[in-house]
């Protein structure tokens, strides 16, 4: 007799995740502000910037863009996986991936995004090598290596998991 109300309470508790997704929207707005500041700096100092400064500015914008894309991915796929289904039939202009990413795909996409962001940070450090110590560069390269290895291991684990479940994709 208690099982049904308890299960209803547990099922309804998924809505407690909603403030987390709202906080991610706030973080997305903060990233938008930062990309605006970067773009403004790039435009206003364009004539005085060297080619390397322009490349560093562009890499910074790419980094922020990838991070914002990662946040969007987490918002929509997390909402669709854990809170409520997204009905794409009522919104034909919405991207299909919004409702199609399962938790397994989300983990892989998150890891790939983290690797890409880390690689851009390392590239920025190499482009600005005069201001970086050998120790900082080694740590950044090591962290990128750990992220790449983790992504590969996660991909292999997912592949074996799909094979074990009988889905040979």
N, C-alpha and C. Protein backbone atom coordinates (compact mmCIF):
# COMPACT_ATOMS: atom_id res chain seq x y z
N UNK A 1 0.81 -1.19 0.00
CA UNK A 1 0.00 0.00 0.00
C UNK A 1 0.86 1.27 0.00
N UNK A 2 1.98 1.25 0.69
CA UNK A 2 2.88 2.40 0.72
C UNK A 2 3.73 2.49 -0.53
N UNK A 3 3.82 1.40 -1.25
CA UNK A 3 4.71 1.37 -2.41
C UNK A 3 4.31 2.40 -3.46
N UNK A 4 3.06 2.51 -3.78
CA UNK A 4 2.62 3.43 -4.83
C UNK A 4 2.87 4.90 -4.48
N UNK A 5 2.50 5.38 -3.28
CA UNK A 5 2.81 6.78 -2.96
C UNK A 5 4.32 7.05 -2.89
N UNK A 6 5.07 6.07 -2.39
CA UNK A 6 6.51 6.23 -2.32
C UNK A 6 7.12 6.31 -3.72
N UNK A 7 6.68 5.44 -4.61
CA UNK A 7 7.17 5.49 -5.99
C UNK A 7 6.78 6.80 -6.66
N UNK A 8 5.58 7.29 -6.38
CA UNK A 8 5.14 8.57 -6.93
C UNK A 8 6.02 9.71 -6.44
N UNK A 9 6.37 9.67 -5.16
CA UNK A 9 7.25 10.68 -4.59
C UNK A 9 8.63 10.62 -5.24
N UNK A 10 9.17 9.41 -5.38
CA UNK A 10 10.47 9.26 -6.03
C UNK A 10 10.43 9.76 -7.47
N UNK A 11 9.38 9.39 -8.16
CA UNK A 11 9.27 9.79 -9.56
C UNK A 11 9.13 11.32 -9.68
N UNK A 12 8.37 11.92 -8.78
CA UNK A 12 8.20 13.38 -8.81
C UNK A 12 9.47 14.11 -8.41
N UNK A 13 10.35 13.45 -7.66
CA UNK A 13 11.58 14.11 -7.20
C UNK A 13 12.51 14.47 -8.35
N UNK A 14 12.30 13.90 -9.53
CA UNK A 14 13.15 14.24 -10.68
C UNK A 14 13.05 15.72 -11.01
N UNK A 15 11.92 16.35 -10.66
CA UNK A 15 11.74 17.77 -10.93
C UNK A 15 12.65 18.64 -10.07
N UNK A 16 13.26 18.05 -9.04
CA UNK A 16 14.23 18.79 -8.23
C UNK A 16 15.50 19.11 -9.02
N UNK A 17 15.68 18.45 -10.15
CA UNK A 17 16.83 18.75 -11.02
C UNK A 17 16.63 20.05 -11.79
N UNK A 18 15.41 20.51 -11.90
CA UNK A 18 15.12 21.70 -12.71
C UNK A 18 15.96 22.92 -12.32
N UNK A 19 16.12 23.24 -11.03
CA UNK A 19 16.97 24.40 -10.70
C UNK A 19 18.41 24.25 -11.19
N UNK A 20 18.90 23.02 -11.27
CA UNK A 20 20.25 22.80 -11.79
C UNK A 20 20.33 23.21 -13.25
N UNK A 21 19.31 22.87 -14.01
CA UNK A 21 19.30 23.24 -15.42
C UNK A 21 19.10 24.75 -15.60
N UNK A 22 18.33 25.36 -14.72
CA UNK A 22 18.19 26.82 -14.75
C UNK A 22 19.54 27.47 -14.45
N UNK A 23 20.28 26.90 -13.49
CA UNK A 23 21.62 27.42 -13.18
C UNK A 23 22.55 27.27 -14.38
N UNK A 24 22.39 26.21 -15.15
CA UNK A 24 23.20 26.05 -16.36
C UNK A 24 22.84 27.11 -17.40
N UNK A 25 21.58 27.50 -17.45
CA UNK A 25 21.18 28.59 -18.36
C UNK A 25 21.85 29.89 -17.91
N UNK A 26 21.91 30.13 -16.61
CA UNK A 26 22.60 31.31 -16.08
C UNK A 26 24.09 31.25 -16.46
N UNK A 27 24.69 30.07 -16.34
CA UNK A 27 26.10 29.90 -16.74
C UNK A 27 26.27 30.18 -18.23
N UNK A 28 25.30 29.77 -19.02
CA UNK A 28 25.34 30.04 -20.46
C UNK A 28 25.29 31.54 -20.73
N UNK A 29 24.49 32.26 -19.98
CA UNK A 29 24.45 33.72 -20.11
C UNK A 29 25.79 34.35 -19.72
N UNK A 30 26.43 33.80 -18.68
CA UNK A 30 27.75 34.30 -18.28
C UNK A 30 28.77 34.04 -19.38
N UNK A 31 28.70 32.88 -20.01
CA UNK A 31 29.60 32.58 -21.14
C UNK A 31 29.33 33.53 -22.31
N UNK A 32 28.07 33.86 -22.53
CA UNK A 32 27.73 34.82 -23.59
C UNK A 32 28.36 36.18 -23.29
N UNK A 33 28.30 36.59 -22.04
CA UNK A 33 28.94 37.85 -21.65
C UNK A 33 30.45 37.81 -21.89
N UNK A 34 31.08 36.71 -21.52
CA UNK A 34 32.53 36.58 -21.71
C UNK A 34 32.90 36.57 -23.19
N UNK A 35 32.10 35.89 -24.03
CA UNK A 35 32.42 35.88 -25.45
C UNK A 35 32.22 37.28 -26.05
N UNK A 36 31.26 38.02 -25.51
CA UNK A 36 31.07 39.40 -25.95
C UNK A 36 32.27 40.27 -25.61
N UNK A 37 32.80 40.10 -24.41
CA UNK A 37 33.99 40.84 -23.98
C UNK A 37 35.18 40.48 -24.86
N UNK A 38 35.34 39.18 -25.12
CA UNK A 38 36.46 38.74 -26.00
C UNK A 38 36.32 39.30 -27.41
N UNK A 39 35.11 39.23 -27.96
CA UNK A 39 34.89 39.74 -29.32
C UNK A 39 35.11 41.25 -29.36
N UNK A 40 34.63 41.96 -28.34
CA UNK A 40 34.82 43.40 -28.28
C UNK A 40 36.32 43.74 -28.24
N UNK A 41 37.07 43.02 -27.41
CA UNK A 41 38.51 43.24 -27.33
C UNK A 41 39.20 42.95 -28.65
N UNK A 42 38.76 41.92 -29.33
CA UNK A 42 39.35 41.56 -30.62
C UNK A 42 39.08 42.64 -31.66
N UNK A 43 37.87 43.17 -31.65
CA UNK A 43 37.51 44.21 -32.64
C UNK A 43 38.20 45.53 -32.33
N UNK A 44 38.20 45.93 -31.06
CA UNK A 44 38.74 47.26 -30.72
C UNK A 44 40.26 47.30 -30.78
N UNK A 45 40.93 46.18 -30.60
CA UNK A 45 42.38 46.17 -30.61
C UNK A 45 42.94 45.47 -31.85
N UNK A 46 42.10 45.29 -32.83
CA UNK A 46 42.49 44.57 -34.03
C UNK A 46 43.73 45.17 -34.70
N UNK A 47 43.77 46.47 -34.82
CA UNK A 47 44.89 47.11 -35.52
C UNK A 47 46.21 47.01 -34.77
N UNK A 48 46.14 46.91 -33.45
CA UNK A 48 47.37 46.83 -32.66
C UNK A 48 47.77 45.39 -32.35
N UNK A 49 46.88 44.43 -32.58
CA UNK A 49 47.18 43.03 -32.31
C UNK A 49 48.11 42.45 -33.36
N UNK A 50 49.00 41.58 -32.92
CA UNK A 50 49.81 40.81 -33.86
C UNK A 50 48.96 39.65 -34.38
N UNK A 51 49.48 38.96 -35.35
CA UNK A 51 48.76 37.81 -35.89
C UNK A 51 48.53 36.76 -34.80
N UNK A 52 49.52 36.55 -33.95
CA UNK A 52 49.38 35.58 -32.87
C UNK A 52 48.31 36.01 -31.87
N UNK A 53 48.22 37.33 -31.59
CA UNK A 53 47.20 37.83 -30.68
C UNK A 53 45.79 37.58 -31.25
N UNK A 54 45.65 37.76 -32.56
CA UNK A 54 44.35 37.52 -33.21
C UNK A 54 44.01 36.03 -33.11
N UNK A 55 45.00 35.17 -33.37
CA UNK A 55 44.77 33.73 -33.27
C UNK A 55 44.39 33.34 -31.85
N UNK A 56 45.11 33.90 -30.86
CA UNK A 56 44.78 33.62 -29.46
C UNK A 56 43.37 34.09 -29.11
N UNK A 57 43.00 35.26 -29.61
CA UNK A 57 41.64 35.77 -29.38
C UNK A 57 40.59 34.86 -30.01
N UNK A 58 40.86 34.40 -31.23
CA UNK A 58 39.93 33.50 -31.90
C UNK A 58 39.84 32.16 -31.18
N UNK A 59 40.99 31.66 -30.71
CA UNK A 59 40.97 30.40 -29.95
C UNK A 59 40.18 30.54 -28.66
N UNK A 60 40.28 31.71 -28.02
CA UNK A 60 39.50 31.96 -26.82
C UNK A 60 38.01 31.92 -27.10
N UNK A 61 37.62 32.48 -28.24
CA UNK A 61 36.20 32.47 -28.62
C UNK A 61 35.76 31.05 -28.96
N UNK A 62 36.62 30.29 -29.65
CA UNK A 62 36.30 28.89 -29.96
C UNK A 62 36.14 28.10 -28.66
N UNK A 63 37.02 28.34 -27.70
CA UNK A 63 36.95 27.67 -26.41
C UNK A 63 35.62 27.96 -25.71
N UNK A 64 35.25 29.22 -25.67
CA UNK A 64 33.98 29.59 -25.05
C UNK A 64 32.78 29.01 -25.80
N UNK A 65 32.88 28.95 -27.12
CA UNK A 65 31.81 28.38 -27.93
C UNK A 65 31.64 26.89 -27.65
N UNK A 66 32.75 26.17 -27.59
CA UNK A 66 32.68 24.74 -27.28
C UNK A 66 32.11 24.51 -25.88
N UNK A 67 32.52 25.35 -24.94
CA UNK A 67 32.01 25.23 -23.58
C UNK A 67 30.51 25.50 -23.54
N UNK A 68 30.06 26.54 -24.27
CA UNK A 68 28.63 26.85 -24.32
C UNK A 68 27.86 25.71 -24.99
N UNK A 69 28.43 25.13 -26.04
CA UNK A 69 27.78 23.99 -26.70
C UNK A 69 27.67 22.80 -25.76
N UNK A 70 28.69 22.60 -24.96
CA UNK A 70 28.68 21.54 -23.96
C UNK A 70 27.56 21.77 -22.94
N UNK A 71 27.40 23.00 -22.50
CA UNK A 71 26.35 23.34 -21.55
C UNK A 71 24.97 23.07 -22.17
N UNK A 72 24.78 23.47 -23.42
CA UNK A 72 23.50 23.22 -24.10
C UNK A 72 23.23 21.73 -24.20
N UNK A 73 24.26 20.98 -24.55
CA UNK A 73 24.12 19.52 -24.66
C UNK A 73 23.68 18.93 -23.32
N UNK A 74 24.29 19.37 -22.24
CA UNK A 74 23.93 18.86 -20.92
C UNK A 74 22.51 19.28 -20.55
N UNK A 75 22.14 20.52 -20.84
CA UNK A 75 20.81 21.00 -20.49
C UNK A 75 19.74 20.15 -21.18
N UNK A 76 19.81 20.05 -22.49
CA UNK A 76 18.74 19.37 -23.21
C UNK A 76 18.74 17.86 -23.04
N UNK A 77 19.91 17.25 -23.13
CA UNK A 77 19.92 15.80 -22.99
C UNK A 77 19.65 15.39 -21.56
N UNK A 78 20.14 16.16 -20.60
CA UNK A 78 19.83 15.86 -19.20
C UNK A 78 18.35 16.01 -18.91
N UNK A 79 17.76 17.07 -19.42
CA UNK A 79 16.32 17.27 -19.23
C UNK A 79 15.53 16.13 -19.86
N UNK A 80 15.89 15.76 -21.09
CA UNK A 80 15.17 14.70 -21.79
C UNK A 80 15.40 13.34 -21.15
N UNK A 81 16.58 13.10 -20.60
CA UNK A 81 16.87 11.80 -20.00
C UNK A 81 16.34 11.65 -18.58
N UNK A 82 16.31 12.75 -17.82
CA UNK A 82 16.01 12.62 -16.40
C UNK A 82 14.73 13.30 -15.94
N UNK A 83 14.23 14.28 -16.68
CA UNK A 83 13.05 15.00 -16.19
C UNK A 83 11.81 14.69 -17.01
N UNK A 84 11.83 15.05 -18.27
CA UNK A 84 10.63 14.87 -19.09
C UNK A 84 11.01 14.75 -20.56
N UNK A 85 10.21 14.01 -21.30
CA UNK A 85 10.46 13.87 -22.73
C UNK A 85 10.28 15.20 -23.45
N UNK A 86 11.06 15.39 -24.50
CA UNK A 86 10.91 16.57 -25.34
C UNK A 86 10.12 16.15 -26.57
N UNK A 87 8.97 16.80 -26.78
CA UNK A 87 8.11 16.46 -27.90
C UNK A 87 8.50 17.29 -29.11
N UNK A 88 9.22 16.66 -30.03
CA UNK A 88 9.69 17.38 -31.22
C UNK A 88 8.60 17.56 -32.27
N UNK A 89 7.50 16.83 -32.14
CA UNK A 89 6.43 16.97 -33.14
C UNK A 89 5.76 18.34 -33.04
N UNK A 90 5.76 18.91 -31.86
CA UNK A 90 5.16 20.25 -31.71
C UNK A 90 6.14 21.36 -32.04
N UNK A 91 7.41 21.00 -32.19
CA UNK A 91 8.46 21.98 -32.50
C UNK A 91 9.30 21.43 -33.65
N UNK A 92 8.82 21.55 -34.85
CA UNK A 92 9.51 20.96 -36.00
C UNK A 92 10.85 21.65 -36.30
N UNK A 93 11.04 22.86 -35.79
CA UNK A 93 12.29 23.58 -36.05
C UNK A 93 13.39 23.25 -35.04
N UNK A 94 13.07 22.47 -34.01
CA UNK A 94 14.06 22.10 -33.02
C UNK A 94 14.94 20.97 -33.56
N UNK A 95 16.23 20.98 -33.22
CA UNK A 95 17.12 19.90 -33.69
C UNK A 95 16.69 18.54 -33.15
N UNK A 96 16.83 17.50 -33.98
CA UNK A 96 16.43 16.13 -33.62
C UNK A 96 17.25 15.58 -32.44
N UNK A 97 18.53 15.96 -32.36
CA UNK A 97 19.39 15.40 -31.34
C UNK A 97 18.89 15.69 -29.94
N UNK A 98 18.07 16.73 -29.79
CA UNK A 98 17.62 17.14 -28.46
C UNK A 98 16.90 16.02 -27.73
N UNK A 99 16.20 15.19 -28.46
CA UNK A 99 15.45 14.10 -27.83
C UNK A 99 16.10 12.74 -28.06
N UNK A 100 17.14 12.69 -28.86
CA UNK A 100 17.71 11.40 -29.26
C UNK A 100 18.97 10.99 -28.52
N UNK A 101 19.55 11.86 -27.71
CA UNK A 101 20.80 11.52 -27.03
C UNK A 101 20.47 10.77 -25.75
N UNK A 102 20.91 9.51 -25.69
CA UNK A 102 20.72 8.77 -24.45
C UNK A 102 21.91 9.04 -23.52
N UNK A 103 21.85 8.49 -22.32
CA UNK A 103 22.87 8.78 -21.31
C UNK A 103 24.25 8.31 -21.76
N UNK A 104 24.30 7.18 -22.43
CA UNK A 104 25.57 6.65 -22.93
C UNK A 104 26.20 7.60 -23.94
N UNK A 105 25.41 8.07 -24.89
CA UNK A 105 25.91 9.02 -25.88
C UNK A 105 26.31 10.33 -25.22
N UNK A 106 25.56 10.75 -24.22
CA UNK A 106 25.86 11.99 -23.50
C UNK A 106 27.25 11.91 -22.87
N UNK A 107 27.55 10.78 -22.24
CA UNK A 107 28.88 10.63 -21.62
C UNK A 107 29.98 10.76 -22.67
N UNK A 108 29.80 10.12 -23.81
CA UNK A 108 30.82 10.17 -24.85
C UNK A 108 30.96 11.58 -25.42
N UNK A 109 29.84 12.26 -25.65
CA UNK A 109 29.89 13.61 -26.19
C UNK A 109 30.51 14.58 -25.18
N UNK A 110 30.18 14.41 -23.92
CA UNK A 110 30.78 15.25 -22.88
C UNK A 110 32.29 15.06 -22.84
N UNK A 111 32.72 13.82 -22.89
CA UNK A 111 34.15 13.56 -22.83
C UNK A 111 34.85 14.11 -24.06
N UNK A 112 34.24 13.95 -25.24
CA UNK A 112 34.85 14.49 -26.46
C UNK A 112 34.94 16.01 -26.39
N UNK A 113 33.92 16.64 -25.84
CA UNK A 113 33.95 18.10 -25.70
C UNK A 113 35.03 18.54 -24.72
N UNK A 114 35.17 17.82 -23.63
CA UNK A 114 36.20 18.16 -22.65
C UNK A 114 37.59 18.00 -23.26
N UNK A 115 37.78 16.95 -24.05
CA UNK A 115 39.07 16.76 -24.72
C UNK A 115 39.34 17.92 -25.68
N UNK A 116 38.32 18.31 -26.46
CA UNK A 116 38.50 19.41 -27.41
C UNK A 116 38.82 20.72 -26.69
N UNK A 117 38.12 21.00 -25.61
CA UNK A 117 38.36 22.23 -24.83
C UNK A 117 39.78 22.20 -24.24
N UNK A 118 40.18 21.06 -23.71
CA UNK A 118 41.52 20.93 -23.15
C UNK A 118 42.59 21.09 -24.23
N UNK A 119 42.33 20.55 -25.41
CA UNK A 119 43.30 20.68 -26.51
C UNK A 119 43.43 22.14 -26.94
N UNK A 120 42.32 22.87 -26.95
CA UNK A 120 42.38 24.29 -27.31
C UNK A 120 43.16 25.07 -26.26
N UNK A 121 42.94 24.75 -25.00
CA UNK A 121 43.71 25.42 -23.93
C UNK A 121 45.20 25.16 -24.09
N UNK A 122 45.55 23.91 -24.44
CA UNK A 122 46.96 23.59 -24.65
C UNK A 122 47.51 24.33 -25.86
N UNK A 123 46.73 24.42 -26.92
CA UNK A 123 47.15 25.16 -28.11
C UNK A 123 47.35 26.64 -27.78
N UNK A 124 46.44 27.21 -26.99
CA UNK A 124 46.60 28.60 -26.56
C UNK A 124 47.91 28.77 -25.78
N UNK A 125 48.21 27.80 -24.91
CA UNK A 125 49.45 27.88 -24.13
C UNK A 125 50.66 27.82 -25.05
N UNK A 126 50.64 26.95 -26.04
CA UNK A 126 51.77 26.86 -26.98
C UNK A 126 51.89 28.12 -27.83
N UNK A 127 50.76 28.72 -28.18
CA UNK A 127 50.81 29.96 -28.96
C UNK A 127 51.37 31.10 -28.12
N UNK A 128 51.23 31.00 -26.82
CA UNK A 128 51.69 32.03 -25.90
C UNK A 128 52.84 31.48 -25.05
N UNK A 129 53.71 30.72 -25.68
CA UNK A 129 54.74 29.94 -24.98
C UNK A 129 55.72 30.80 -24.19
N UNK A 130 55.90 32.05 -24.59
CA UNK A 130 56.82 32.94 -23.86
C UNK A 130 56.34 33.23 -22.45
N UNK A 131 55.04 33.10 -22.21
CA UNK A 131 54.47 33.41 -20.91
C UNK A 131 54.13 32.15 -20.10
N UNK A 132 54.55 30.99 -20.58
CA UNK A 132 54.25 29.73 -19.91
C UNK A 132 55.55 29.08 -19.44
N UNK A 133 55.50 28.43 -18.31
CA UNK A 133 56.67 27.70 -17.84
C UNK A 133 56.62 26.28 -18.39
N UNK A 134 57.77 25.63 -18.39
CA UNK A 134 57.81 24.23 -18.83
C UNK A 134 56.89 23.37 -17.97
N UNK A 135 56.86 23.67 -16.70
CA UNK A 135 56.00 22.91 -15.77
C UNK A 135 54.52 23.07 -16.15
N UNK A 136 54.09 24.31 -16.44
CA UNK A 136 52.70 24.54 -16.83
C UNK A 136 52.35 23.80 -18.12
N UNK A 137 53.26 23.87 -19.09
CA UNK A 137 53.02 23.17 -20.35
C UNK A 137 52.96 21.66 -20.15
N UNK A 138 53.84 21.13 -19.32
CA UNK A 138 53.85 19.69 -19.05
C UNK A 138 52.55 19.26 -18.37
N UNK A 139 52.09 20.06 -17.41
CA UNK A 139 50.83 19.73 -16.74
C UNK A 139 49.66 19.77 -17.71
N UNK A 140 49.62 20.80 -18.55
CA UNK A 140 48.52 20.89 -19.51
C UNK A 140 48.54 19.74 -20.50
N UNK A 141 49.74 19.37 -20.96
CA UNK A 141 49.85 18.23 -21.88
C UNK A 141 49.47 16.94 -21.17
N UNK A 142 49.88 16.80 -19.92
CA UNK A 142 49.53 15.60 -19.14
C UNK A 142 48.04 15.49 -18.91
N UNK A 143 47.42 16.61 -18.57
CA UNK A 143 45.96 16.60 -18.35
C UNK A 143 45.23 16.24 -19.64
N UNK A 144 45.68 16.81 -20.76
CA UNK A 144 45.07 16.47 -22.04
C UNK A 144 45.25 14.98 -22.33
N UNK A 145 46.43 14.45 -22.06
CA UNK A 145 46.67 13.02 -22.26
C UNK A 145 45.74 12.16 -21.42
N UNK A 146 45.53 12.55 -20.17
CA UNK A 146 44.61 11.80 -19.29
C UNK A 146 43.19 11.88 -19.84
N UNK A 147 42.77 13.07 -20.30
CA UNK A 147 41.43 13.20 -20.87
C UNK A 147 41.26 12.33 -22.12
N UNK A 148 42.27 12.34 -22.99
CA UNK A 148 42.21 11.52 -24.21
C UNK A 148 42.14 10.04 -23.84
N UNK A 149 42.99 9.60 -22.92
CA UNK A 149 42.98 8.20 -22.49
C UNK A 149 41.63 7.83 -21.87
N UNK A 150 41.09 8.73 -21.05
CA UNK A 150 39.79 8.49 -20.43
C UNK A 150 38.69 8.37 -21.48
N UNK A 151 38.73 9.26 -22.48
CA UNK A 151 37.72 9.21 -23.54
C UNK A 151 37.82 7.91 -24.31
N UNK A 152 39.04 7.49 -24.61
CA UNK A 152 39.22 6.22 -25.33
C UNK A 152 38.72 5.04 -24.50
N UNK A 153 39.05 5.03 -23.22
CA UNK A 153 38.59 3.94 -22.35
C UNK A 153 37.08 3.94 -22.22
N UNK A 154 36.49 5.12 -22.11
CA UNK A 154 35.04 5.21 -22.02
C UNK A 154 34.39 4.70 -23.31
N UNK A 155 34.97 5.08 -24.46
CA UNK A 155 34.45 4.61 -25.74
C UNK A 155 34.55 3.10 -25.87
N UNK A 156 35.68 2.54 -25.46
CA UNK A 156 35.85 1.08 -25.52
C UNK A 156 34.86 0.39 -24.58
N UNK A 157 34.70 0.94 -23.36
CA UNK A 157 33.76 0.36 -22.41
C UNK A 157 32.33 0.40 -22.95
N UNK A 158 31.96 1.51 -23.57
CA UNK A 158 30.61 1.62 -24.16
C UNK A 158 30.45 0.61 -25.30
N UNK A 159 31.50 0.46 -26.11
CA UNK A 159 31.45 -0.48 -27.23
C UNK A 159 31.24 -1.90 -26.72
N UNK A 160 32.02 -2.29 -25.68
CA UNK A 160 31.86 -3.62 -25.11
C UNK A 160 30.49 -3.77 -24.46
N UNK A 161 30.01 -2.70 -23.83
CA UNK A 161 28.67 -2.76 -23.21
C UNK A 161 27.57 -2.97 -24.25
N UNK A 162 27.68 -2.30 -25.39
CA UNK A 162 26.69 -2.49 -26.45
C UNK A 162 26.77 -3.89 -27.04
N UNK A 163 27.99 -4.41 -27.18
CA UNK A 163 28.16 -5.77 -27.72
C UNK A 163 27.61 -6.79 -26.75
N UNK A 164 27.83 -6.57 -25.46
CA UNK A 164 27.34 -7.51 -24.44
C UNK A 164 25.81 -7.52 -24.37
N UNK A 165 25.21 -6.36 -24.67
CA UNK A 165 23.75 -6.26 -24.66
C UNK A 165 23.12 -6.73 -25.95
N UNK A 166 23.96 -7.09 -26.91
CA UNK A 166 23.43 -7.64 -28.16
C UNK A 166 23.18 -6.64 -29.25
N UNK A 167 23.49 -5.36 -29.03
CA UNK A 167 23.30 -4.36 -30.08
C UNK A 167 24.63 -4.12 -30.78
N UNK A 168 24.82 -4.72 -31.93
CA UNK A 168 26.08 -4.64 -32.69
C UNK A 168 26.01 -3.49 -33.67
N UNK A 169 26.31 -2.27 -33.21
CA UNK A 169 26.24 -1.11 -34.08
C UNK A 169 27.55 -0.88 -34.76
